Amino acid sequence: MSIRSLRACMICSIVQPQAKFNREGCPNCEDFLELRHNAESIQEATSTVFEGLITLADPEVSWVARWQRLQGYVPGTYAVKVVGMLPEEFIAAAENAGVKYIPRDGSGELEQ
């Protein structure tokens, strides 16, 4: 697998190959992002530009998961920062699903 095929979800910051987003969607956000078999949505709601990687085995007890606001997400590999502009319709879908959207590019860090 090439690192170039990796993408990070702009909502939860999980990092997966583009093919896995296409095959399975986002394990945390699929209910409202509906990325599975939707190449256009994958392009809009994920990014190839991200910094740092964190591997979480147990997001419920990890201090890193608390610091990165990843509690409640599945174990996996997450980006520290994800660069990109999430379209309004995805932000609205997340908030309608009860997920408060916090930009993963570091700009939302002051709002803790």
C-alpha atoms as a PDB file:
ATOM      1  CA  MET A   1       0.000   0.000   0.000  1.00  0.00           C
ATOM      2  CA  SER A   2       1.281   3.418  -0.918  1.00  0.00           C
ATOM      3  CA  ILE A   3       1.030   6.293   1.544  1.00  0.00           C
ATOM      4  CA  ARG A   4      -0.371   8.290  -1.382  1.00  0.00           C
ATOM      5  CA  SER A   5      -3.543   6.200  -1.282  1.00  0.00           C
ATOM      6  CA  LEU A   6      -4.214   7.184   2.352  1.00  0.00           C
ATOM      7  CA  ARG A   7      -6.967   9.660   3.197  1.00  0.00           C
ATOM      8  CA  ALA A   8      -8.155  11.094   6.493  1.00  0.00           C
ATOM      9  CA  CYS A   9     -11.806  11.718   7.358  1.00  0.00           C
ATOM     10  CA  MET A  10     -12.354  15.439   7.985  1.00  0.00           C
ATOM     11  CA  ILE A  11     -14.898  14.702  10.742  1.00  0.00           C
ATOM     12  CA  CYS A  12     -13.183  12.047  12.890  1.00  0.00           C
ATOM     13  CA  SER A  13      -9.650  12.071  11.367  1.00  0.00           C
ATOM     14  CA  ILE A  14      -9.379   8.276  10.907  1.00  0.00           C
ATOM     15  CA  VAL A  15      -6.801   7.398   8.243  1.00  0.00           C
ATOM     16  CA  GLN A  16      -7.519   4.622   5.739  1.00  0.00           C
ATOM     17  CA  PRO A  17      -6.697   3.778   2.145  1.00  0.00           C
ATOM     18  CA  GLN A  18      -9.107   5.351  -0.334  1.00  0.00           C
ATOM     19  CA  ALA A  19     -10.178   1.842  -1.412  1.00  0.00           C
ATOM     20  CA  LYS A  20     -11.278   1.037   2.156  1.00  0.00           C
ATOM     21  CA  PHE A  21     -13.341   4.232   2.373  1.00  0.00           C
ATOM     22  CA  ASN A  22     -14.920   3.176  -0.923  1.00  0.00           C
ATOM     23  CA  ARG A  23     -15.514  -0.413   0.186  1.00  0.00           C
ATOM     24  CA  GLU A  24     -16.596   0.149   3.807  1.00  0.00           C
ATOM     25  CA  GLY A  25     -17.047   3.897   4.323  1.00  0.00           C
ATOM     26  CA  CYS A  26     -15.878   5.631   7.497  1.00  0.00           C
ATOM     27  CA  PRO A  27     -16.163   3.368  10.568  1.00  0.00           C
ATOM     28  CA  ASN A  28     -17.125   6.343  12.749  1.00  0.00           C
ATOM     29  CA  CYS A  29     -19.121   8.586  10.415  1.00  0.00           C
ATOM     30  CA  GLU A  30     -20.703   6.321   7.802  1.00  0.00           C
ATOM     31  CA  ASP A  31     -24.239   6.719   9.192  1.00  0.00           C
ATOM     32  CA  PHE A  32     -24.325  10.369   8.121  1.00  0.00           C
ATOM     33  CA  LEU A  33     -21.456  10.791   5.606  1.00  0.00           C
ATOM     34  CA  GLU A  34     -22.470   7.820   3.424  1.00  0.00           C
ATOM     35  CA  LEU A  35     -19.042   7.431   1.829  1.00  0.00           C
ATOM     36  CA  ARG A  36     -19.392   3.747   0.904  1.00  0.00           C
ATOM     37  CA  HIS A  37     -19.291   3.374  -2.908  1.00  0.00           C
ATOM     38  CA  ASN A  38     -19.454   7.165  -3.332  1.00  0.00           C
ATOM     39  CA  ALA A  39     -16.198   8.453  -4.866  1.00  0.00           C
ATOM     40  CA  GLU A  40     -17.409  12.067  -4.996  1.00  0.00           C
ATOM     41  CA  SER A  41     -18.269  12.147  -1.282  1.00  0.00           C
ATOM     42  CA  ILE A  42     -14.955  10.484  -0.423  1.00  0.00           C
ATOM     43  CA  GLN A  43     -13.134  13.257  -2.317  1.00  0.00           C
ATOM     44  CA  GLU A  44     -15.122  15.969  -0.497  1.00  0.00           C
ATOM     45  CA  ALA A  45     -15.218  14.569   3.064  1.00  0.00           C
ATOM     46  CA  THR A  46     -11.700  13.134   3.304  1.00  0.00           C
ATOM     47  CA  SER A  47      -8.283  14.628   2.649  1.00  0.00           C
ATOM     48  CA  THR A  48      -4.907  13.401   1.455  1.00  0.00           C
ATOM     49  CA  VAL A  49      -3.259  16.253   3.384  1.00  0.00           C
ATOM     50  CA  PHE A  50      -2.783  15.419   7.050  1.00  0.00           C
ATOM     51  CA  GLU A  51      -0.070  15.592   9.716  1.00  0.00           C
ATOM     52  CA  GLY A  52       1.047  13.063  12.289  1.00  0.00           C
ATOM     53  CA  LEU A  53      -0.413   9.643  12.968  1.00  0.00           C
ATOM     54  CA  ILE A  54      -1.775   8.226  16.207  1.00  0.00           C
ATOM     55  CA  THR A  55      -2.664   4.563  16.612  1.00  0.00           C
ATOM     56  CA  LEU A  56      -5.351   4.014  19.229  1.00  0.00           C
ATOM     57  CA  ALA A  57      -6.027   0.575  20.672  1.00  0.00           C
ATOM     58  CA  ASP A  58      -8.542   1.733  23.310  1.00  0.00           C
ATOM     59  CA  PRO A  59      -9.933   5.224  22.604  1.00  0.00           C
ATOM     60  CA  GLU A  60     -12.039   5.150  25.795  1.00  0.00           C
ATOM     61  CA  VAL A  61      -9.082   5.160  28.217  1.00  0.00           C
ATOM     62  CA  SER A  62      -6.368   6.872  26.192  1.00  0.00           C
ATOM     63  CA  TRP A  63      -5.319  10.377  27.258  1.00  0.00           C
ATOM     64  CA  VAL A  64      -4.267  10.949  23.633  1.00  0.00           C
ATOM     65  CA  ALA A  65      -7.832  10.109  22.548  1.00  0.00           C
ATOM     66  CA  ARG A  66      -9.153  12.717  25.019  1.00  0.00           C
ATOM     67  CA  TRP A  67      -6.603  15.284  23.817  1.00  0.00           C
ATOM     68  CA  GLN A  68      -7.574  14.641  20.171  1.00  0.00           C
ATOM     69  CA  ARG A  69     -11.318  14.348  20.974  1.00  0.00           C
ATOM     70  CA  LEU A  70     -11.479  10.759  19.715  1.00  0.00           C
ATOM     71  CA  GLN A  71     -13.409   9.109  22.561  1.00  0.00           C
ATOM     72  CA  GLY A  72     -16.230   6.937  21.286  1.00  0.00           C
ATOM     73  CA  TYR A  73     -14.487   6.193  17.995  1.00  0.00           C
ATOM     74  CA  VAL A  74     -13.273   2.785  16.822  1.00  0.00           C
ATOM     75  CA  PRO A  75      -9.680   1.687  17.463  1.00  0.00           C
ATOM     76  CA  GLY A  76      -7.455   2.559  14.515  1.00  0.00           C
ATOM     77  CA  THR A  77      -5.008   5.050  13.060  1.00  0.00           C
ATOM     78  CA  TYR A  78      -5.917   8.748  13.240  1.00  0.00           C
ATOM     79  CA  ALA A  79      -4.314  11.926  11.930  1.00  0.00           C
ATOM     80  CA  VAL A  80      -3.272  14.633  14.401  1.00  0.00           C
ATOM     81  CA  LYS A  81      -4.353  17.338  11.919  1.00  0.00           C
ATOM     82  CA  VAL A  82      -6.377  17.084   8.724  1.00  0.00           C
ATOM     83  CA  VAL A  83      -6.174  19.896   6.173  1.00  0.00           C
ATOM     84  CA  GLY A  84      -9.193  20.660   4.024  1.00  0.00           C
ATOM     85  CA  MET A  85     -12.512  22.469   3.848  1.00  0.00           C
ATOM     86  CA  LEU A  86     -15.488  20.268   4.636  1.00  0.00           C
ATOM     87  CA  PRO A  87     -18.538  21.252   2.543  1.00  0.00           C
ATOM     88  CA  GLU A  88     -21.510  22.683   4.465  1.00  0.00           C
ATOM     89  CA  GLU A  89     -23.770  19.740   3.617  1.00  0.00           C
ATOM     90  CA  PHE A  90     -21.425  17.351   5.456  1.00  0.00           C
ATOM     91  CA  ILE A  91     -21.209  19.671   8.469  1.00  0.00           C
ATOM     92  CA  ALA A  92     -25.022  19.858   8.535  1.00  0.00           C
ATOM     93  CA  ALA A  93     -25.306  16.054   8.215  1.00  0.00           C
ATOM     94  CA  ALA A  94     -22.907  15.572  11.137  1.00  0.00           C
ATOM     95  CA  GLU A  95     -24.718  18.065  13.348  1.00  0.00           C
ATOM     96  CA  ASN A  96     -28.113  16.561  12.417  1.00  0.00           C
ATOM     97  CA  ALA A  97     -26.695  13.215  13.597  1.00  0.00           C
ATOM     98  CA  GLY A  98     -25.705  14.794  16.924  1.00  0.00           C
ATOM     99  CA  VAL A  99     -21.983  15.095  16.119  1.00  0.00           C
ATOM    100  CA  LYS A 100     -20.488  18.499  16.878  1.00  0.00           C
ATOM    101  CA  TYR A 101     -18.158  19.308  13.991  1.00  0.00           C
ATOM    102  CA  ILE A 102     -14.765  20.565  15.139  1.00  0.00           C
ATOM    103  CA  PRO A 103     -12.310  21.295  12.309  1.00  0.00           C
ATOM    104  CA  ARG A 104      -9.403  18.844  12.498  1.00  0.00           C
ATOM    105  CA  ASP A 105      -6.919  21.352  11.064  1.00  0.00           C
ATOM    106  CA  GLY A 106      -6.081  22.818  14.467  1.00  0.00           C
ATOM    107  CA  SER A 107      -8.259  25.937  14.070  1.00  0.00           C
ATOM    108  CA  GLY A 108     -10.860  24.623  16.551  1.00  0.00           C
ATOM    109  CA  GLU A 109      -8.384  23.971  19.379  1.00  0.00           C
ATOM    110  CA  LEU A 110      -9.171  27.215  21.195  1.00  0.00           C
ATOM    111  CA  GLU A 111     -12.828  26.275  21.634  1.00  0.00           C
ATOM    112  CA  GLN A 112     -12.296  23.453  24.118  1.00  0.00           C
END
